[in-house]
């Protein structure tokens, strides 16, 4: 799964087959698998996806960081939750990761 090209706007990804493929690719990216995704949508939609993905990745990275503290993990978790809320507000579907 090296190149995924979503051909429909992001807000149409209501966890149909394409939506499931998108979230599988996003999950692979979060765990460090190289995945090249091309996302189409309004600038606001694309930014919401990018923010949710980056906040989730930063949270995972912080969990795996040997020097992580409870405070640093909670800060990343709060940012992840905020970006997930923004994702759902803009796209109408919850961020599952």
Protein backbone atom coordinates (compact mmCIF):
# COMPACT_ATOMS: atom_id res chain seq x y z
CA UNK A 1 0.00 0.00 0.00
CA UNK A 2 2.38 2.66 -1.22
CA UNK A 3 0.13 5.13 -3.01
CA UNK A 4 -3.50 5.90 -2.22
CA UNK A 5 -5.33 8.50 -4.25
CA UNK A 6 -8.69 9.46 -2.83
CA UNK A 7 -10.82 10.60 -5.74
CA UNK A 8 -13.78 11.87 -3.74
CA UNK A 9 -13.91 14.83 -1.39
CA UNK A 10 -12.99 13.98 2.18
CA UNK A 11 -16.48 14.69 3.51
CA UNK A 12 -17.82 11.76 1.49
CA UNK A 13 -15.68 9.30 3.44
CA UNK A 14 -18.43 8.02 5.73
CA UNK A 15 -16.57 4.77 6.38
CA UNK A 16 -17.65 3.20 3.16
CA UNK A 17 -14.95 1.12 1.49
CA UNK A 18 -12.93 4.19 0.51
CA UNK A 19 -13.27 5.58 4.03
CA UNK A 20 -12.00 2.33 5.51
CA UNK A 21 -9.04 2.30 3.12
CA UNK A 22 -8.24 5.89 4.08
CA UNK A 23 -8.24 5.14 7.81
CA UNK A 24 -6.16 1.97 7.33
CA UNK A 25 -3.61 4.02 5.40
CA UNK A 26 -3.66 6.71 8.09
CA UNK A 27 -3.14 4.07 10.79
CA UNK A 28 -0.22 2.60 8.86
CA UNK A 29 1.33 6.06 8.60
CA UNK A 30 0.88 6.59 12.34
CA UNK A 31 2.93 3.51 13.18
CA UNK A 32 5.74 4.53 10.87
CA UNK A 33 4.90 2.62 7.72
CA UNK A 34 5.70 4.75 4.69
CA UNK A 35 2.40 5.55 3.02
CA UNK A 36 1.99 8.15 0.29
CA UNK A 37 -1.52 9.57 0.41
CA UNK A 38 -3.03 12.19 -1.86
CA UNK A 39 -6.03 13.85 -0.27
CA UNK A 40 -8.56 16.01 -2.05
CA UNK A 41 -10.93 18.35 -0.34
CA UNK A 42 -11.38 21.94 0.62
CA UNK A 43 -8.36 23.60 2.25
CA UNK A 44 -10.20 23.42 5.58
CA UNK A 45 -10.87 19.67 5.17
CA UNK A 46 -7.29 18.89 4.15
CA UNK A 47 -5.96 20.92 7.10
CA UNK A 48 -8.30 19.09 9.51
CA UNK A 49 -7.01 15.73 8.25
CA UNK A 50 -3.38 16.84 8.45
CA UNK A 51 -3.85 18.21 11.98
CA UNK A 52 -5.57 15.03 13.19
CA UNK A 53 -2.91 12.83 11.67
CA UNK A 54 -0.03 14.87 13.07
CA UNK A 55 -1.56 15.11 16.56
CA UNK A 56 -2.16 11.36 16.61
CA UNK A 57 1.39 10.68 15.46
CA UNK A 58 2.88 13.05 18.02
CA UNK A 59 0.85 11.33 20.75
CA UNK A 60 2.11 7.90 19.63
CA UNK A 61 5.68 9.20 19.47
CA UNK A 62 5.39 10.65 22.96
CA UNK A 63 4.05 7.35 24.32
CA UNK A 64 7.10 5.59 22.88
CA UNK A 65 9.57 8.24 24.06
CA UNK A 66 11.69 6.82 26.93
CA UNK A 67 11.81 10.15 28.75
CA UNK A 68 8.08 10.89 28.46
CA UNK A 69 6.34 12.16 31.55
CA UNK A 70 2.70 11.92 32.50
CA UNK A 71 2.42 15.64 31.83
CA UNK A 72 3.98 15.43 28.36
CA UNK A 73 1.79 12.47 27.39
CA UNK A 74 -1.34 14.23 28.66
CA UNK A 75 -0.43 17.38 26.72
CA UNK A 76 -0.13 15.38 23.48
CA UNK A 77 -3.34 13.52 24.27
CA UNK A 78 -5.21 16.80 24.80
CA UNK A 79 -3.92 18.12 21.47
CA UNK A 80 -4.99 14.86 19.82
CA UNK A 81 -8.49 15.21 21.28
CA UNK A 82 -8.74 18.84 20.16
CA UNK A 83 -7.73 18.00 16.60
CA UNK A 84 -10.15 15.04 16.58
CA UNK A 85 -13.01 17.35 17.62
CA UNK A 86 -12.06 19.79 14.87
CA UNK A 87 -11.89 16.93 12.35
CA UNK A 88 -15.40 15.78 13.32
CA UNK A 89 -16.77 19.33 13.26
CA UNK A 90 -15.46 19.94 9.75
CA UNK A 91 -15.97 16.52 8.18
CA UNK A 92 -18.96 15.18 10.09
CA UNK A 93 -17.30 11.87 10.93
CA UNK A 94 -15.33 11.02 14.07
CA UNK A 95 -11.55 10.64 13.96
CA UNK A 96 -11.11 6.98 14.93
CA UNK A 97 -7.35 6.91 15.61
